[in-house]
């Protein structure tokens, strides 16, 4: 097996499954397939090994996020919506008292 990404044949032989069973695993969300170069399907070696050993696979950046990082990501993505919502509420209060 190679270092980072595996081909369909390598995954099939490592898991001892036929390609249709592997496609069902992808459909169920148990494995993730990546397209490399537009048409070549590859699989993460770490994810395949974790699946075979029965462990749950998580990407490395998901392991290192604490609550502050998650809050920062949330606010950076939704900040415009939060500000617009506050503006709408303030305008509604202003026009309700006028």
PDB file of N, CA and C in Angstrom:
ATOM      1  N   UNK A   1       0.839  -1.187   0.000  1.00  0.00           N
ATOM      2  CA  UNK A   1       0.000   0.000   0.000  1.00  0.00           C
ATOM      3  C   UNK A   1       0.878   1.242   0.000  1.00  0.00           C
ATOM      4  N   UNK A   2       0.376   2.291  -0.589  1.00  0.00           N
ATOM      5  CA  UNK A   2       1.125   3.541  -0.648  1.00  0.00           C
ATOM      6  C   UNK A   2       0.973   4.302   0.673  1.00  0.00           C
ATOM      7  N   UNK A   3       1.563   5.491   0.734  1.00  0.00           N
ATOM      8  CA  UNK A   3       1.588   6.239   1.990  1.00  0.00           C
ATOM      9  C   UNK A   3       0.264   6.915   2.333  1.00  0.00           C
ATOM     10  N   UNK A   4      -0.296   7.704   1.409  1.00  0.00           N
ATOM     11  CA  UNK A   4      -1.457   8.516   1.771  1.00  0.00           C
ATOM     12  C   UNK A   4      -2.776   8.081   1.182  1.00  0.00           C
ATOM     13  N   UNK A   5      -2.792   7.856  -0.121  1.00  0.00           N
ATOM     14  CA  UNK A   5      -4.031   7.526  -0.809  1.00  0.00           C
ATOM     15  C   UNK A   5      -3.955   6.128  -1.416  1.00  0.00           C
ATOM     16  N   UNK A   6      -5.081   5.442  -1.413  1.00  0.00           N
ATOM     17  CA  UNK A   6      -5.150   4.087  -1.959  1.00  0.00           C
ATOM     18  C   UNK A   6      -6.071   4.047  -3.160  1.00  0.00           C
ATOM     19  N   UNK A   7      -5.787   3.149  -4.082  1.00  0.00           N
ATOM     20  CA  UNK A   7      -6.658   2.945  -5.236  1.00  0.00           C
ATOM     21  C   UNK A   7      -7.810   2.030  -4.842  1.00  0.00           C
ATOM     22  N   UNK A   8      -8.773   1.901  -5.741  1.00  0.00           N
ATOM     23  CA  UNK A   8      -9.906   1.014  -5.486  1.00  0.00           C
ATOM     24  C   UNK A   8      -9.454  -0.438  -5.343  1.00  0.00           C
ATOM     25  N   UNK A   9      -8.491  -0.832  -6.150  1.00  0.00           N
ATOM     26  CA  UNK A   9      -7.999  -2.205  -6.090  1.00  0.00           C
ATOM     27  C   UNK A   9      -7.303  -2.481  -4.764  1.00  0.00           C
ATOM     28  N   UNK A  10      -6.500  -1.517  -4.288  1.00  0.00           N
ATOM     29  CA  UNK A  10      -5.808  -1.695  -3.013  1.00  0.00           C
ATOM     30  C   UNK A  10      -6.798  -1.801  -1.854  1.00  0.00           C
ATOM     31  N   UNK A  11      -7.820  -0.956  -1.873  1.00  0.00           N
ATOM     32  CA  UNK A  11      -8.837  -1.000  -0.816  1.00  0.00           C
ATOM     33  C   UNK A  11      -9.600  -2.308  -0.873  1.00  0.00           C
ATOM     34  N   UNK A  12      -9.944  -2.747  -2.070  1.00  0.00           N
ATOM     35  CA  UNK A  12     -10.678  -3.995  -2.243  1.00  0.00           C
ATOM     36  C   UNK A  12      -9.882  -5.185  -1.704  1.00  0.00           C
ATOM     37  N   UNK A  13      -8.602  -5.230  -2.001  1.00  0.00           N
ATOM     38  CA  UNK A  13      -7.794  -6.352  -1.524  1.00  0.00           C
ATOM     39  C   UNK A  13      -7.513  -6.239  -0.022  1.00  0.00           C
ATOM     40  N   UNK A  14      -7.336  -5.032   0.497  1.00  0.00           N
ATOM     41  CA  UNK A  14      -7.049  -4.850   1.920  1.00  0.00           C
ATOM     42  C   UNK A  14      -8.260  -5.198   2.781  1.00  0.00           C
ATOM     43  N   UNK A  15      -9.455  -4.772   2.343  1.00  0.00           N
ATOM     44  CA  UNK A  15     -10.667  -5.058   3.104  1.00  0.00           C
ATOM     45  C   UNK A  15     -11.282  -6.416   2.758  1.00  0.00           C
ATOM     46  N   UNK A  16     -10.755  -7.036   1.707  1.00  0.00           N
ATOM     47  CA  UNK A  16     -11.281  -8.318   1.219  1.00  0.00           C
ATOM     48  C   UNK A  16     -12.766  -8.208   0.892  1.00  0.00           C
ATOM     49  N   UNK A  17     -13.085  -7.185   0.115  1.00  0.00           N
ATOM     50  CA  UNK A  17     -14.456  -6.911  -0.316  1.00  0.00           C
ATOM     51  C   UNK A  17     -14.459  -6.666  -1.812  1.00  0.00           C
ATOM     52  N   UNK A  18     -15.602  -6.927  -2.431  1.00  0.00           N
ATOM     53  CA  UNK A  18     -15.697  -6.624  -3.847  1.00  0.00           C
ATOM     54  C   UNK A  18     -16.003  -5.136  -4.034  1.00  0.00           C
ATOM     55  N   UNK A  19     -15.782  -4.587  -5.214  1.00  0.00           N
ATOM     56  CA  UNK A  19     -15.993  -3.148  -5.437  1.00  0.00           C
ATOM     57  C   UNK A  19     -17.422  -2.680  -5.184  1.00  0.00           C
ATOM     58  N   UNK A  20     -18.408  -3.551  -5.420  1.00  0.00           N
ATOM     59  CA  UNK A  20     -19.792  -3.151  -5.154  1.00  0.00           C
ATOM     60  C   UNK A  20     -20.037  -2.944  -3.659  1.00  0.00           C
ATOM     61  N   UNK A  21     -19.441  -3.793  -2.828  1.00  0.00           N
ATOM     62  CA  UNK A  21     -19.582  -3.642  -1.376  1.00  0.00           C
ATOM     63  C   UNK A  21     -18.903  -2.362  -0.901  1.00  0.00           C
ATOM     64  N   UNK A  22     -17.800  -2.010  -1.522  1.00  0.00           N
ATOM     65  CA  UNK A  22     -17.102  -0.767  -1.165  1.00  0.00           C
ATOM     66  C   UNK A  22     -17.946   0.438  -1.565  1.00  0.00           C
ATOM     67  N   UNK A  23     -18.602   0.372  -2.715  1.00  0.00           N
ATOM     68  CA  UNK A  23     -19.485   1.464  -3.134  1.00  0.00           C
ATOM     69  C   UNK A  23     -20.662   1.616  -2.185  1.00  0.00           C
ATOM     70  N   UNK A  24     -21.151   0.505  -1.635  1.00  0.00           N
ATOM     71  CA  UNK A  24     -22.219   0.588  -0.643  1.00  0.00           C
ATOM     72  C   UNK A  24     -21.724   1.252   0.639  1.00  0.00           C
ATOM     73  N   UNK A  25     -20.481   0.977   1.024  1.00  0.00           N
ATOM     74  CA  UNK A  25     -19.908   1.635   2.190  1.00  0.00           C
ATOM     75  C   UNK A  25     -19.796   3.140   1.980  1.00  0.00           C
ATOM     76  N   UNK A  26     -19.449   3.528   0.767  1.00  0.00           N
ATOM     77  CA  UNK A  26     -19.365   4.952   0.436  1.00  0.00           C
ATOM     78  C   UNK A  26     -20.750   5.570   0.511  1.00  0.00           C
ATOM     79  N   UNK A  27     -21.743   4.877  -0.036  1.00  0.00           N
ATOM     80  CA  UNK A  27     -23.116   5.383  -0.038  1.00  0.00           C
ATOM     81  C   UNK A  27     -23.655   5.529   1.390  1.00  0.00           C
ATOM     82  N   UNK A  28     -23.270   4.614   2.283  1.00  0.00           N
ATOM     83  CA  UNK A  28     -23.726   4.663   3.676  1.00  0.00           C
ATOM     84  C   UNK A  28     -22.929   5.662   4.507  1.00  0.00           C
ATOM     85  N   UNK A  29     -21.845   6.197   3.955  1.00  0.00           N
ATOM     86  CA  UNK A  29     -21.037   7.170   4.674  1.00  0.00           C
ATOM     87  C   UNK A  29     -19.964   6.556   5.557  1.00  0.00           C
ATOM     88  N   UNK A  30     -19.676   5.281   5.377  1.00  0.00           N
ATOM     89  CA  UNK A  30     -18.658   4.609   6.189  1.00  0.00           C
ATOM     90  C   UNK A  30     -17.256   4.865   5.652  1.00  0.00           C
ATOM     91  N   UNK A  31     -17.126   5.085   4.351  1.00  0.00           N
ATOM     92  CA  UNK A  31     -15.855   5.431   3.711  1.00  0.00           C
ATOM     93  C   UNK A  31     -16.066   6.658   2.843  1.00  0.00           C
ATOM     94  N   UNK A  32     -14.982   7.392   2.630  1.00  0.00           N
ATOM     95  CA  UNK A  32     -15.035   8.576   1.778  1.00  0.00           C
ATOM     96  C   UNK A  32     -14.145   8.347   0.572  1.00  0.00           C
ATOM     97  N   UNK A  33     -14.688   8.607  -0.608  1.00  0.00           N
ATOM     98  CA  UNK A  33     -13.928   8.482  -1.853  1.00  0.00           C
ATOM     99  C   UNK A  33     -13.576   9.881  -2.341  1.00  0.00           C
ATOM    100  N   UNK A  34     -12.368  10.034  -2.846  1.00  0.00           N
ATOM    101  CA  UNK A  34     -11.894  11.318  -3.363  1.00  0.00           C
ATOM    102  C   UNK A  34     -11.528  11.153  -4.827  1.00  0.00           C
ATOM    103  N   UNK A  35     -11.912  12.144  -5.622  1.00  0.00           N
ATOM    104  CA  UNK A  35     -11.525  12.125  -7.032  1.00  0.00           C
ATOM    105  C   UNK A  35     -10.208  12.877  -7.172  1.00  0.00           C
ATOM    106  N   UNK A  36      -9.257  12.230  -7.775  1.00  0.00           N
ATOM    107  CA  UNK A  36      -7.944  12.824  -8.020  1.00  0.00           C
ATOM    108  C   UNK A  36      -7.764  12.906  -9.525  1.00  0.00           C
ATOM    109  N   UNK A  37      -7.502  14.087 -10.009  1.00  0.00           N
ATOM    110  CA  UNK A  37      -7.307  14.250 -11.432  1.00  0.00           C
ATOM    111  C   UNK A  37      -8.587  14.145 -12.236  1.00  0.00           C
ATOM    112  N   UNK A  38      -9.725  14.291 -11.591  1.00  0.00           N
ATOM    113  CA  UNK A  38     -10.998  14.301 -12.287  1.00  0.00           C
ATOM    114  C   UNK A  38     -11.679  12.962 -12.391  1.00  0.00           C
ATOM    115  N   UNK A  39     -10.928  11.882 -12.563  1.00  0.00           N
ATOM    116  CA  UNK A  39     -11.601  10.603 -12.771  1.00  0.00           C
ATOM    117  C   UNK A  39     -11.050   9.461 -11.916  1.00  0.00           C
ATOM    118  N   UNK A  40      -9.909   9.638 -11.312  1.00  0.00           N
ATOM    119  CA  UNK A  40      -9.315   8.564 -10.518  1.00  0.00           C
ATOM    120  C   UNK A  40      -9.834   8.638  -9.086  1.00  0.00           C
ATOM    121  N   UNK A  41     -10.438   7.569  -8.611  1.00  0.00           N
ATOM    122  CA  UNK A  41     -10.989   7.536  -7.260  1.00  0.00           C
ATOM    123  C   UNK A  41      -9.925   7.004  -6.311  1.00  0.00           C
ATOM    124  N   UNK A  42      -9.734   7.720  -5.210  1.00  0.00           N
ATOM    125  CA  UNK A  42      -8.763   7.323  -4.195  1.00  0.00           C
ATOM    126  C   UNK A  42      -9.425   7.368  -2.818  1.00  0.00           C
ATOM    127  N   UNK A  43      -8.802   6.657  -1.872  1.00  0.00           N
ATOM    128  CA  UNK A  43      -9.291   6.569  -0.510  1.00  0.00           C
ATOM    129  C   UNK A  43      -8.144   6.885   0.439  1.00  0.00           C
ATOM    130  N   UNK A  44      -8.445   7.525   1.557  1.00  0.00           N
ATOM    131  CA  UNK A  44      -7.420   7.820   2.562  1.00  0.00           C
ATOM    132  C   UNK A  44      -7.022   6.534   3.255  1.00  0.00           C
ATOM    133  N   UNK A  45      -5.720   6.289   3.333  1.00  0.00           N
ATOM    134  CA  UNK A  45      -5.214   5.064   3.953  1.00  0.00           C
ATOM    135  C   UNK A  45      -5.611   4.993   5.425  1.00  0.00           C
ATOM    136  N   UNK A  46      -5.497   6.105   6.141  1.00  0.00           N
ATOM    137  CA  UNK A  46      -5.851   6.134   7.557  1.00  0.00           C
ATOM    138  C   UNK A  46      -7.316   5.778   7.779  1.00  0.00           C
ATOM    139  N   UNK A  47      -8.175   6.248   6.887  1.00  0.00           N
ATOM    140  CA  UNK A  47      -9.611   5.973   7.016  1.00  0.00           C
ATOM    141  C   UNK A  47      -9.912   4.496   6.762  1.00  0.00           C
ATOM    142  N   UNK A  48      -9.248   3.912   5.771  1.00  0.00           N
ATOM    143  CA  UNK A  48      -9.461   2.497   5.452  1.00  0.00           C
ATOM    144  C   UNK A  48      -8.970   1.621   6.598  1.00  0.00           C
ATOM    145  N   UNK A  49      -7.818   1.946   7.166  1.00  0.00           N
ATOM    146  CA  UNK A  49      -7.285   1.178   8.293  1.00  0.00           C
ATOM    147  C   UNK A  49      -8.208   1.304   9.504  1.00  0.00           C
ATOM    148  N   UNK A  50      -8.698   2.509   9.762  1.00  0.00           N
ATOM    149  CA  UNK A  50      -9.616   2.710  10.890  1.00  0.00           C
ATOM    150  C   UNK A  50     -10.901   1.920  10.677  1.00  0.00           C
ATOM    151  N   UNK A  51     -11.405   1.876   9.454  1.00  0.00           N
ATOM    152  CA  UNK A  51     -12.617   1.107   9.179  1.00  0.00           C
ATOM    153  C   UNK A  51     -12.380  -0.379   9.425  1.00  0.00           C
ATOM    154  N   UNK A  52     -11.248  -0.877   8.985  1.00  0.00           N
ATOM    155  CA  UNK A  52     -10.959  -2.304   9.151  1.00  0.00           C
ATOM    156  C   UNK A  52     -10.805  -2.684  10.621  1.00  0.00           C
ATOM    157  N   UNK A  53     -10.230  -1.805  11.419  1.00  0.00           N
ATOM    158  CA  UNK A  53     -10.043  -2.102  12.841  1.00  0.00           C
ATOM    159  C   UNK A  53     -11.265  -1.750  13.678  1.00  0.00           C
ATOM    160  N   UNK A  54     -12.286  -1.163  13.046  1.00  0.00           N
ATOM    161  CA  UNK A  54     -13.514  -0.843  13.765  1.00  0.00           C
ATOM    162  C   UNK A  54     -13.480   0.471  14.508  1.00  0.00           C
ATOM    163  N   UNK A  55     -12.504   1.314  14.229  1.00  0.00           N
ATOM    164  CA  UNK A  55     -12.407   2.606  14.893  1.00  0.00           C
ATOM    165  C   UNK A  55     -13.094   3.669  14.060  1.00  0.00           C
ATOM    166  N   UNK A  56     -13.458   4.767  14.712  1.00  0.00           N
ATOM    167  CA  UNK A  56     -14.061   5.890  14.000  1.00  0.00           C
ATOM    168  C   UNK A  56     -12.934   6.783  13.488  1.00  0.00           C
ATOM    169  N   UNK A  57     -13.004   7.149  12.219  1.00  0.00           N
ATOM    170  CA  UNK A  57     -11.963   7.979  11.605  1.00  0.00           C
ATOM    171  C   UNK A  57     -12.366   9.441  11.684  1.00  0.00           C
ATOM    172  N   UNK A  58     -11.423  10.274  12.098  1.00  0.00           N
ATOM    173  CA  UNK A  58     -11.628  11.721  12.101  1.00  0.00           C
ATOM    174  C   UNK A  58     -10.423  12.371  11.457  1.00  0.00           C
ATOM    175  N   UNK A  59     -10.681  13.395  10.666  1.00  0.00           N
ATOM    176  CA  UNK A  59      -9.583  14.127  10.045  1.00  0.00           C
ATOM    177  C   UNK A  59      -8.753  14.820  11.119  1.00  0.00           C
ATOM    178  N   UNK A  60      -7.450  14.983  10.898  1.00  0.00           N
ATOM    179  CA  UNK A  60      -6.586  15.570  11.926  1.00  0.00           C
ATOM    180  C   UNK A  60      -7.021  16.953  12.388  1.00  0.00           C
ATOM    181  N   UNK A  61      -7.540  17.805  11.504  1.00  0.00           N
ATOM    182  CA  UNK A  61      -7.945  19.142  11.931  1.00  0.00           C
ATOM    183  C   UNK A  61      -9.187  19.093  12.812  1.00  0.00           C
ATOM    184  N   UNK A  62      -9.987  18.033  12.736  1.00  0.00           N
ATOM    185  CA  UNK A  62     -11.151  17.902  13.595  1.00  0.00           C
ATOM    186  C   UNK A  62     -10.749  17.522  15.014  1.00  0.00           C
ATOM    187  N   UNK A  63      -9.610  16.891  15.176  1.00  0.00           N
ATOM    188  CA  UNK A  63      -9.163  16.482  16.504  1.00  0.00           C
ATOM    189  C   UNK A  63      -8.670  17.654  17.326  1.00  0.00           C
ATOM    190  N   UNK A  64      -8.109  18.639  16.678  1.00  0.00           N
ATOM    191  CA  UNK A  64      -7.445  19.721  17.391  1.00  0.00           C
ATOM    192  C   UNK A  64      -8.339  20.915  17.666  1.00  0.00           C
ATOM    193  N   UNK A  65      -9.587  20.897  17.261  1.00  0.00           N
ATOM    194  CA  UNK A  65     -10.457  22.044  17.484  1.00  0.00           C
ATOM    195  C   UNK A  65     -11.069  21.978  18.870  1.00  0.00           C
ATOM    196  N   UNK A  66     -10.858  23.033  19.646  1.00  0.00           N
ATOM    197  CA  UNK A  66     -11.528  23.142  20.931  1.00  0.00           C
ATOM    198  C   UNK A  66     -12.749  24.043  20.763  1.00  0.00           C
ATOM    199  N   UNK A  67     -13.428  24.337  21.844  1.00  0.00           N
ATOM    200  CA  UNK A  67     -14.659  25.117  21.740  1.00  0.00           C
ATOM    201  C   UNK A  67     -14.396  26.525  21.215  1.00  0.00           C
ATOM    202  N   UNK A  68     -13.252  27.115  21.564  1.00  0.00           N
ATOM    203  CA  UNK A  68     -12.941  28.458  21.083  1.00  0.00           C
ATOM    204  C   UNK A  68     -12.756  28.466  19.563  1.00  0.00           C
ATOM    205  N   UNK A  69     -12.057  27.466  19.029  1.00  0.00           N
ATOM    206  CA  UNK A  69     -11.870  27.382  17.578  1.00  0.00           C
ATOM    207  C   UNK A  69     -13.200  27.183  16.858  1.00  0.00           C
ATOM    208  N   UNK A  70     -14.061  26.356  17.428  1.00  0.00           N
ATOM    209  CA  UNK A  70     -15.379  26.136  16.819  1.00  0.00           C
ATOM    210  C   UNK A  70     -16.217  27.405  16.850  1.00  0.00           C
ATOM    211  N   UNK A  71     -16.173  28.141  17.972  1.00  0.00           N
ATOM    212  CA  UNK A  71     -16.903  29.400  18.076  1.00  0.00           C
ATOM    213  C   UNK A  71     -16.371  30.424  17.085  1.00  0.00           C
ATOM    214  N   UNK A  72     -15.042  30.508  16.971  1.00  0.00           N
ATOM    215  CA  UNK A  72     -14.434  31.442  16.017  1.00  0.00           C
ATOM    216  C   UNK A  72     -14.848  31.119  14.585  1.00  0.00           C
ATOM    217  N   UNK A  73     -14.834  29.825  14.232  1.00  0.00           N
ATOM    218  CA  UNK A  73     -15.254  29.430  12.890  1.00  0.00           C
ATOM    219  C   UNK A  73     -16.719  29.764  12.646  1.00  0.00           C
ATOM    220  N   UNK A  74     -17.552  29.519  13.653  1.00  0.00           N
ATOM    221  CA  UNK A  74     -18.969  29.825  13.528  1.00  0.00           C
ATOM    222  C   UNK A  74     -19.193  31.313  13.310  1.00  0.00           C
ATOM    223  N   UNK A  75     -18.548  32.139  14.136  1.00  0.00           N
ATOM    224  CA  UNK A  75     -18.725  33.581  14.018  1.00  0.00           C
ATOM    225  C   UNK A  75     -18.150  34.127  12.726  1.00  0.00           C
ATOM    226  N   UNK A  76     -17.041  33.582  12.269  1.00  0.00           N
ATOM    227  CA  UNK A  76     -16.467  34.083  11.021  1.00  0.00           C
ATOM    228  C   UNK A  76     -17.353  33.736   9.831  1.00  0.00           C
ATOM    229  N   UNK A  77     -18.053  32.616   9.896  1.00  0.00           N
ATOM    230  CA  UNK A  77     -18.922  32.231   8.783  1.00  0.00           C
ATOM    231  C   UNK A  77     -20.274  32.945   8.850  1.00  0.00           C
ATOM    232  N   UNK A  78     -20.844  33.084  10.054  1.00  0.00           N
ATOM    233  CA  UNK A  78     -22.194  33.623  10.197  1.00  0.00           C
ATOM    234  C   UNK A  78     -22.234  35.069  10.667  1.00  0.00           C
ATOM    235  N   UNK A  79     -21.111  35.769  10.720  1.00  0.00           N
ATOM    236  CA  UNK A  79     -21.085  37.121  11.272  1.00  0.00           C
ATOM    237  C   UNK A  79     -22.003  38.076  10.515  1.00  0.00           C
ATOM    238  N   UNK A  80     -22.044  38.005   9.220  1.00  0.00           N
ATOM    239  CA  UNK A  80     -22.913  38.889   8.444  1.00  0.00           C
ATOM    240  C   UNK A  80     -24.378  38.640   8.774  1.00  0.00           C
ATOM    241  N   UNK A  81     -24.768  37.385   8.878  1.00  0.00           N
ATOM    242  CA  UNK A  81     -26.159  37.061   9.200  1.00  0.00           C
ATOM    243  C   UNK A  81     -26.523  37.517  10.611  1.00  0.00           C
ATOM    244  N   UNK A  82     -25.601  37.380  11.533  1.00  0.00           N
ATOM    245  CA  UNK A  82     -25.846  37.816  12.907  1.00  0.00           C
ATOM    246  C   UNK A  82     -26.016  39.328  12.955  1.00  0.00           C
ATOM    247  N   UNK A  83     -25.131  40.057  12.287  1.00  0.00           N
ATOM    248  CA  UNK A  83     -25.226  41.522  12.268  1.00  0.00           C
ATOM    249  C   UNK A  83     -26.514  41.993  11.600  1.00  0.00           C
ATOM    250  N   UNK A  84     -26.896  41.374  10.504  1.00  0.00           N
ATOM    251  CA  UNK A  84     -28.140  41.762   9.827  1.00  0.00           C
ATOM    252  C   UNK A  84     -29.359  41.449  10.688  1.00  0.00           C
ATOM    253  N   UNK A  85     -29.324  40.355  11.413  1.00  0.00           N
ATOM    254  CA  UNK A  85     -30.435  40.012  12.307  1.00  0.00           C
ATOM    255  C   UNK A  85     -30.566  41.030  13.425  1.00  0.00           C
ATOM    256  N   UNK A  86     -29.442  41.442  13.991  1.00  0.00           N
ATOM    257  CA  UNK A  86     -29.474  42.466  15.035  1.00  0.00           C
ATOM    258  C   UNK A  86     -30.001  43.778  14.482  1.00  0.00           C
ATOM    259  N   UNK A  87     -29.587  44.139  13.284  1.00  0.00           N
ATOM    260  CA  UNK A  87     -30.067  45.363  12.647  1.00  0.00           C
ATOM    261  C   UNK A  87     -31.572  45.316  12.425  1.00  0.00           C
ATOM    262  N   UNK A  88     -32.095  44.192  11.972  1.00  0.00           N
ATOM    263  CA  UNK A  88     -33.538  44.052  11.744  1.00  0.00           C
ATOM    264  C   UNK A  88     -34.297  44.182  13.061  1.00  0.00           C
ATOM    265  N   UNK A  89     -33.801  43.568  14.113  1.00  0.00           N
ATOM    266  CA  UNK A  89     -34.464  43.658  15.425  1.00  0.00           C
ATOM    267  C   UNK A  89     -34.445  45.098  15.930  1.00  0.00           C
ATOM    268  N   UNK A  90     -33.302  45.779  15.802  1.00  0.00           N
ATOM    269  CA  UNK A  90     -33.214  47.178  16.249  1.00  0.00           C
ATOM    270  C   UNK A  90     -34.150  48.078  15.445  1.00  0.00           C
ATOM    271  N   UNK A  91     -34.223  47.847  14.137  1.00  0.00           N
ATOM    272  CA  UNK A  91     -35.146  48.646  13.316  1.00  0.00           C
ATOM    273  C   UNK A  91     -36.601  48.358  13.681  1.00  0.00           C
ATOM    274  N   UNK A  92     -36.921  47.118  13.965  1.00  0.00           N
ATOM    275  CA  UNK A  92     -38.285  46.779  14.372  1.00  0.00           C
ATOM    276  C   UNK A  92     -38.641  47.447  15.695  1.00  0.00           C
ATOM    277  N   UNK A  93     -37.709  47.464  16.631  1.00  0.00           N
ATOM    278  CA  UNK A  93     -37.945  48.137  17.923  1.00  0.00           C
ATOM    279  C   UNK A  93     -38.088  49.637  17.721  1.00  0.00           C
ATOM    280  N   UNK A  94     -37.267  50.212  16.864  1.00  0.00           N
ATOM    281  CA  UNK A  94     -37.325  51.652  16.597  1.00  0.00           C
ATOM    282  C   UNK A  94     -38.670  52.058  15.997  1.00  0.00           C
ATOM    283  N   UNK A  95     -39.115  51.304  14.985  1.00  0.00           N
ATOM    284  CA  UNK A  95     -40.366  51.658  14.335  1.00  0.00           C
ATOM    285  C   UNK A  95     -41.587  51.285  15.189  1.00  0.00           C
ATOM    286  N   UNK A  96     -41.446  50.371  16.120  1.00  0.00           N
ATOM    287  CA  UNK A  96     -42.551  50.029  17.005  1.00  0.00           C
ATOM    288  C   UNK A  96     -42.795  51.157  18.031  1.00  0.00           C
ATOM    289  N   UNK A  97     -41.732  51.857  18.425  1.00  0.00           N
ATOM    290  CA  UNK A  97     -41.859  52.942  19.390  1.00  0.00           C
ATOM    291  C   UNK A  97     -42.152  54.292  18.710  1.00  0.00           C
ATOM    292  N   UNK A  98     -41.987  54.360  17.424  1.00  0.00           N
ATOM    293  CA  UNK A  98     -42.183  55.650  16.739  1.00  0.00           C
ATOM    294  C   UNK A  98     -43.622  55.925  16.415  1.00  0.00           C
TER     295      UNK A  98
END
